[in-house]
N, C-alpha and C. Protein backbone atom coordinates (compact mmCIF):
# COMPACT_ATOMS: atom_id res chain seq x y z
N MET A 1 43.83 -5.80 -98.50
CA MET A 1 44.18 -4.85 -97.97
C MET A 1 44.40 -5.07 -96.76
N VAL A 2 45.45 -4.64 -95.63
CA VAL A 2 45.30 -4.53 -94.38
C VAL A 2 45.11 -3.23 -93.58
N CYS A 3 43.89 -2.75 -92.84
CA CYS A 3 43.85 -1.59 -92.61
C CYS A 3 44.37 -1.59 -91.11
N ARG A 4 44.60 -0.88 -90.41
CA ARG A 4 44.80 -1.07 -89.03
C ARG A 4 44.85 0.20 -88.00
N GLU A 5 44.01 0.58 -86.84
CA GLU A 5 43.37 1.81 -86.18
C GLU A 5 44.48 1.11 -85.18
N GLY A 6 44.37 2.69 -84.47
CA GLY A 6 45.24 2.44 -83.37
C GLY A 6 47.00 2.69 -83.82
N ARG A 7 47.82 2.95 -82.65
CA ARG A 7 49.15 2.38 -82.77
C ARG A 7 49.74 1.02 -83.02
N ARG A 8 50.33 0.31 -83.69
CA ARG A 8 51.11 -1.20 -83.52
C ARG A 8 52.06 -1.14 -83.63
N GLU A 9 52.69 -2.29 -83.47
CA GLU A 9 54.58 -2.58 -83.76
C GLU A 9 54.73 -2.69 -85.50
N TRP A 10 55.23 -1.77 -85.54
CA TRP A 10 55.37 -1.90 -87.78
C TRP A 10 55.95 -3.66 -87.95
N ASP A 11 57.27 -4.42 -86.95
CA ASP A 11 57.66 -5.63 -87.26
C ASP A 11 55.94 -6.62 -87.52
N ASP A 12 55.13 -5.88 -86.70
CA ASP A 12 54.14 -6.68 -86.78
C ASP A 12 52.70 -6.92 -87.80
N SER A 13 52.85 -5.33 -88.83
CA SER A 13 52.04 -5.10 -89.88
C SER A 13 52.89 -5.83 -90.93
N PHE A 14 54.42 -5.18 -91.23
CA PHE A 14 54.93 -5.74 -92.23
C PHE A 14 55.63 -6.89 -92.35
N GLY A 15 55.66 -7.20 -90.96
CA GLY A 15 56.59 -8.88 -90.62
C GLY A 15 55.33 -9.93 -91.08
N ARG A 16 54.18 -9.93 -90.69
CA ARG A 16 53.19 -10.76 -90.93
C ARG A 16 52.42 -10.60 -92.25
N HIS A 17 52.45 -9.75 -92.86
CA HIS A 17 51.73 -9.42 -94.35
C HIS A 17 52.88 -9.24 -95.24
N ASN A 18 52.30 -9.82 -95.98
CA ASN A 18 52.67 -9.43 -97.68
C ASN A 18 52.33 -7.75 -98.20
N VAL A 19 53.05 -6.84 -97.31
CA VAL A 19 52.31 -5.34 -97.71
C VAL A 19 53.47 -4.93 -98.50
N GLY A 20 52.58 -4.26 -99.96
CA GLY A 20 53.02 -3.63 -101.09
C GLY A 20 53.65 -2.67 -100.95
N ARG A 21 51.92 -1.86 -100.29
CA ARG A 21 52.29 -0.49 -100.47
C ARG A 21 51.62 -0.01 -99.01
N LEU A 22 51.97 1.27 -98.82
CA LEU A 22 51.57 2.11 -97.32
C LEU A 22 51.22 3.14 -97.38
N VAL A 23 49.63 3.48 -97.03
CA VAL A 23 49.26 4.73 -97.59
C VAL A 23 49.22 5.48 -95.95
N SER A 24 50.50 6.73 -96.11
CA SER A 24 50.65 7.26 -94.82
C SER A 24 50.47 8.86 -94.35
N HIS A 25 50.28 9.15 -93.22
CA HIS A 25 49.95 10.51 -93.01
C HIS A 25 51.29 10.95 -92.82
N CYS A 26 52.72 10.39 -93.19
CA CYS A 26 54.27 10.28 -93.55
C CYS A 26 54.99 10.71 -91.79
N GLY A 27 54.25 10.40 -90.77
CA GLY A 27 54.79 10.28 -89.93
C GLY A 27 56.26 10.26 -90.06
N TRP A 28 57.45 10.59 -89.05
CA TRP A 28 58.85 10.14 -88.95
C TRP A 28 58.78 8.54 -89.13
N SER A 29 58.31 7.86 -88.26
CA SER A 29 58.23 6.84 -87.68
C SER A 29 57.98 5.93 -88.52
N SER A 30 56.77 6.26 -89.38
CA SER A 30 56.04 5.65 -91.08
C SER A 30 57.37 5.69 -91.81
N VAL A 31 57.75 6.99 -91.98
CA VAL A 31 58.58 7.02 -93.23
C VAL A 31 60.13 5.73 -92.90
N LEU A 32 60.27 6.33 -91.44
CA LEU A 32 61.52 5.13 -91.61
C LEU A 32 61.40 3.68 -91.43
N GLU A 33 59.99 3.45 -90.42
CA GLU A 33 59.65 1.73 -91.47
C GLU A 33 59.58 1.38 -92.28
N SER A 34 58.97 2.23 -93.30
CA SER A 34 58.39 1.71 -94.49
C SER A 34 59.81 1.67 -95.34
N MET A 35 60.79 2.41 -95.18
CA MET A 35 62.14 2.31 -95.76
C MET A 35 63.23 0.86 -95.46
N ASN A 36 62.67 0.86 -94.30
CA ASN A 36 63.56 -0.32 -93.55
C ASN A 36 63.05 -1.53 -93.96
N PHE A 37 61.75 -1.67 -94.51
CA PHE A 37 61.15 -2.93 -94.80
C PHE A 37 60.99 -2.75 -96.73
N GLY A 38 61.21 -1.90 -97.03
CA GLY A 38 61.46 -1.45 -98.92
C GLY A 38 59.98 -1.63 -98.81
N VAL A 39 59.21 -0.91 -98.43
CA VAL A 39 57.26 -0.73 -98.74
C VAL A 39 57.42 0.71 -99.24
N PRO A 40 57.11 1.32 -100.38
CA PRO A 40 57.03 2.28 -101.26
C PRO A 40 55.77 2.90 -100.07
N ILE A 41 55.46 4.30 -100.70
CA ILE A 41 54.65 5.41 -99.59
C ILE A 41 53.58 5.73 -100.41
N ILE A 42 52.38 5.60 -100.33
CA ILE A 42 51.38 7.24 -100.99
C ILE A 42 51.32 7.88 -100.01
N ALA A 43 51.73 9.28 -100.15
CA ALA A 43 51.91 10.04 -99.26
C ALA A 43 50.88 10.95 -99.01
N MET A 44 50.25 11.36 -98.03
CA MET A 44 48.99 11.96 -97.36
C MET A 44 49.55 12.74 -96.36
N PRO A 45 50.42 14.05 -96.43
CA PRO A 45 51.13 14.37 -95.23
C PRO A 45 49.61 15.47 -94.52
N ILE A 46 49.55 15.53 -92.91
CA ILE A 46 48.94 16.86 -92.62
C ILE A 46 49.12 17.68 -92.36
N HIS A 47 50.05 18.32 -91.16
CA HIS A 47 50.79 19.14 -90.97
C HIS A 47 52.11 18.75 -90.18
N LEU A 48 52.79 19.85 -90.03
CA LEU A 48 54.23 20.65 -89.14
C LEU A 48 55.15 19.79 -90.27
N ASP A 49 55.97 18.62 -89.72
CA ASP A 49 57.04 17.76 -90.23
C ASP A 49 56.44 17.01 -91.28
N LYS A 50 55.43 16.39 -91.57
CA LYS A 50 54.86 15.71 -92.59
C LYS A 50 54.77 16.32 -93.92
N PRO A 51 54.58 17.10 -94.46
CA PRO A 51 55.12 17.51 -96.05
C PRO A 51 56.47 17.53 -96.13
N PHE A 52 57.30 17.92 -95.37
CA PHE A 52 58.51 17.72 -95.59
C PHE A 52 59.08 16.37 -95.65
N ASN A 53 58.69 15.32 -94.89
CA ASN A 53 58.81 14.06 -95.08
C ASN A 53 58.26 13.76 -96.45
N ALA A 54 57.37 14.26 -97.12
CA ALA A 54 56.53 13.54 -97.79
C ALA A 54 57.42 13.80 -99.72
N ARG A 55 58.26 15.10 -99.48
CA ARG A 55 59.51 15.43 -100.03
C ARG A 55 60.02 14.16 -99.96
N LEU A 56 60.58 14.49 -99.19
CA LEU A 56 61.96 13.52 -98.95
C LEU A 56 61.72 11.98 -98.99
N LEU A 57 60.36 11.58 -99.28
CA LEU A 57 60.53 10.01 -99.96
C LEU A 57 60.32 10.39 -101.09
N GLU A 58 59.64 11.50 -102.11
CA GLU A 58 59.50 11.66 -103.41
C GLU A 58 61.26 11.76 -103.52
N GLU A 59 61.43 12.38 -103.28
CA GLU A 59 62.97 12.90 -103.99
C GLU A 59 64.08 11.57 -103.61
N LEU A 60 63.78 10.56 -102.89
CA LEU A 60 64.58 9.80 -102.80
C LEU A 60 63.88 8.88 -103.77
N GLY A 61 63.06 8.59 -104.22
CA GLY A 61 62.19 7.90 -105.25
C GLY A 61 61.88 6.51 -104.65
N VAL A 62 61.14 6.91 -103.43
CA VAL A 62 60.44 5.94 -102.62
C VAL A 62 59.12 5.68 -102.27
N GLY A 63 58.48 7.02 -102.50
CA GLY A 63 57.26 7.53 -102.32
C GLY A 63 56.60 8.54 -102.95
N VAL A 64 55.59 8.70 -103.15
CA VAL A 64 54.65 9.69 -103.81
C VAL A 64 53.51 10.52 -102.95
N GLU A 65 53.81 11.88 -103.06
CA GLU A 65 52.60 12.79 -102.48
C GLU A 65 51.67 12.84 -103.20
N VAL A 66 50.51 13.04 -102.09
CA VAL A 66 49.09 13.31 -102.92
C VAL A 66 49.22 14.71 -102.97
N LYS A 67 48.71 15.04 -104.11
CA LYS A 67 48.43 16.44 -104.50
C LYS A 67 47.44 17.46 -103.77
N LYS A 68 47.22 17.87 -102.97
CA LYS A 68 46.02 18.79 -102.45
C LYS A 68 45.85 20.09 -103.52
N THR A 69 44.41 20.37 -103.79
CA THR A 69 44.05 21.12 -104.46
C THR A 69 43.07 21.98 -103.41
N GLY A 70 43.53 23.41 -103.15
CA GLY A 70 42.61 24.26 -102.30
C GLY A 70 43.10 23.95 -100.79
N GLY A 71 44.31 23.09 -100.82
CA GLY A 71 44.18 22.46 -99.16
C GLY A 71 43.46 21.11 -98.85
N SER A 72 42.61 21.08 -99.96
CA SER A 72 41.99 19.40 -99.71
C SER A 72 42.29 18.54 -100.62
N LEU A 73 42.26 17.26 -100.07
CA LEU A 73 42.76 15.72 -100.90
C LEU A 73 41.36 15.34 -102.00
N ARG A 74 41.97 15.52 -102.97
CA ARG A 74 40.82 14.47 -104.46
C ARG A 74 41.03 13.83 -104.39
N ARG A 75 39.89 13.08 -104.99
CA ARG A 75 40.16 11.40 -105.33
C ARG A 75 40.82 11.24 -106.50
N GLU A 76 41.24 12.03 -107.52
CA GLU A 76 41.43 11.56 -108.18
C GLU A 76 42.59 11.90 -108.17
N GLU A 77 43.09 12.67 -107.26
CA GLU A 77 44.89 12.75 -107.10
C GLU A 77 45.07 12.04 -106.55
N VAL A 78 44.60 11.03 -105.60
CA VAL A 78 44.76 9.87 -104.42
C VAL A 78 44.81 8.21 -105.44
N ALA A 79 44.21 9.00 -106.45
CA ALA A 79 44.52 7.51 -107.96
C ALA A 79 45.95 7.74 -108.60
N LYS A 80 45.72 8.94 -108.71
CA LYS A 80 47.22 9.42 -109.43
C LYS A 80 48.06 9.04 -108.70
N ALA A 81 47.79 9.14 -107.77
CA ALA A 81 49.04 8.88 -106.74
C ALA A 81 50.23 7.58 -106.62
N ILE A 82 48.36 6.46 -106.18
CA ILE A 82 49.10 5.43 -106.13
C ILE A 82 48.89 4.55 -107.53
N LYS A 83 48.23 5.49 -108.67
CA LYS A 83 48.85 4.74 -110.03
C LYS A 83 50.26 4.83 -110.09
N ASP A 84 51.15 5.82 -109.93
CA ASP A 84 52.63 6.35 -109.95
C ASP A 84 53.33 5.21 -109.05
N VAL A 85 52.97 4.98 -108.22
CA VAL A 85 53.29 3.95 -107.32
C VAL A 85 53.40 3.07 -107.53
N VAL A 86 52.38 2.28 -108.45
CA VAL A 86 51.92 0.73 -108.52
C VAL A 86 53.18 0.95 -110.07
N GLU A 87 53.21 2.07 -110.69
CA GLU A 87 53.89 1.68 -112.30
C GLU A 87 55.19 2.20 -112.98
N ASN A 88 55.94 2.96 -111.87
CA ASN A 88 56.68 3.94 -111.81
C ASN A 88 58.01 3.27 -111.22
N ASN A 89 58.15 1.81 -110.92
CA ASN A 89 59.15 1.05 -110.29
C ASN A 89 59.65 1.68 -108.87
N ILE A 90 58.83 2.34 -108.07
CA ILE A 90 58.92 2.63 -106.91
C ILE A 90 58.66 1.58 -105.95
N GLY A 91 58.47 0.71 -106.48
CA GLY A 91 58.47 -0.70 -105.46
C GLY A 91 60.08 -0.87 -105.68
N ARG A 92 60.65 -1.21 -106.91
CA ARG A 92 62.22 -1.51 -107.15
C ARG A 92 62.90 -0.92 -106.03
N LYS A 93 62.67 0.93 -106.30
CA LYS A 93 63.52 1.65 -105.60
C LYS A 93 63.30 1.57 -103.88
N ALA A 94 62.84 1.31 -103.49
CA ALA A 94 61.99 1.18 -102.36
C ALA A 94 62.88 -0.31 -101.73
N MET A 95 63.08 -1.27 -102.21
CA MET A 95 64.13 -2.09 -101.94
C MET A 95 65.34 -2.21 -102.11
N GLU A 96 65.78 -1.36 -103.13
CA GLU A 96 67.24 -1.14 -102.74
C GLU A 96 67.50 0.00 -101.68
N LEU A 97 66.76 0.83 -101.70
CA LEU A 97 66.88 1.71 -99.96
C LEU A 97 67.01 0.48 -98.98
N ARG A 98 66.04 -0.63 -99.25
CA ARG A 98 66.28 -1.85 -97.72
C ARG A 98 67.35 -2.31 -97.91
N ASP A 99 67.79 -2.27 -99.44
CA ASP A 99 68.88 -3.42 -99.00
C ASP A 99 70.13 -2.71 -99.14
N ASN A 100 70.04 -1.38 -98.71
CA ASN A 100 71.38 -0.58 -98.72
C ASN A 100 71.43 0.03 -97.29
N ILE A 101 70.22 0.00 -96.77
CA ILE A 101 70.09 0.30 -95.24
C ILE A 101 70.51 -1.20 -94.23
N GLY A 102 70.29 -2.30 -95.13
CA GLY A 102 70.59 -3.57 -94.77
C GLY A 102 72.24 -3.88 -94.54
N LYS A 103 73.01 -3.01 -95.99
CA LYS A 103 74.43 -3.20 -95.82
C LYS A 103 75.04 -2.84 -94.74
N ARG A 104 74.51 -1.27 -94.85
CA ARG A 104 75.21 -0.11 -93.38
C ARG A 104 74.73 -1.02 -91.98
N ASP A 105 73.43 -1.21 -91.84
CA ASP A 105 73.57 -2.48 -90.08
C ASP A 105 74.96 -3.36 -90.32
N ASP A 106 74.93 -4.06 -91.56
CA ASP A 106 75.83 -4.72 -90.99
C ASP A 106 77.38 -4.50 -91.21
N GLN A 107 77.82 -3.59 -91.99
CA GLN A 107 78.85 -2.26 -91.49
C GLN A 107 78.69 -2.28 -90.57
N GLU A 108 78.03 -1.67 -89.96
CA GLU A 108 78.48 -1.46 -88.69
C GLU A 108 78.56 -2.56 -87.27
N ARG A 109 77.89 -3.09 -87.44
CA ARG A 109 77.69 -4.73 -86.80
C ARG A 109 79.22 -5.44 -86.54
N TRP A 110 80.37 -5.46 -87.94
CA TRP A 110 80.96 -5.41 -87.82
C TRP A 110 82.62 -4.65 -87.24
N VAL A 111 82.00 -3.25 -87.33
CA VAL A 111 82.74 -2.14 -86.62
C VAL A 111 83.12 -2.45 -85.42
N GLY A 112 81.40 -3.12 -84.71
CA GLY A 112 81.59 -2.54 -83.35
C GLY A 112 82.06 -4.19 -82.68
N GLU A 113 82.28 -5.20 -83.46
CA GLU A 113 82.90 -6.40 -82.90
C GLU A 113 84.65 -6.30 -82.69
């Protein structure tokens, strides 16, 4: 498990470590970089746009939101979300999305040349 404090470059975290899952507050940068690297998210959104981002991850099938009870996170719900990500092919879906993003990047490079 890799735990980081403060702001870091995602290439540094994902590129140097074998990151299999990400627990995130679902800031837009975290969402985009996890999709770019094919890393599924265990979503623990706080406020503002984060709950929307967490729902987007669930709809795409590349993340699971930890459900709140009375506005609070419960350890049982965190454990359930982790289990869902590990057991329900969410990693495979995240990798498929990563590959599709890569194909689009390749297409855009060809168009620009």
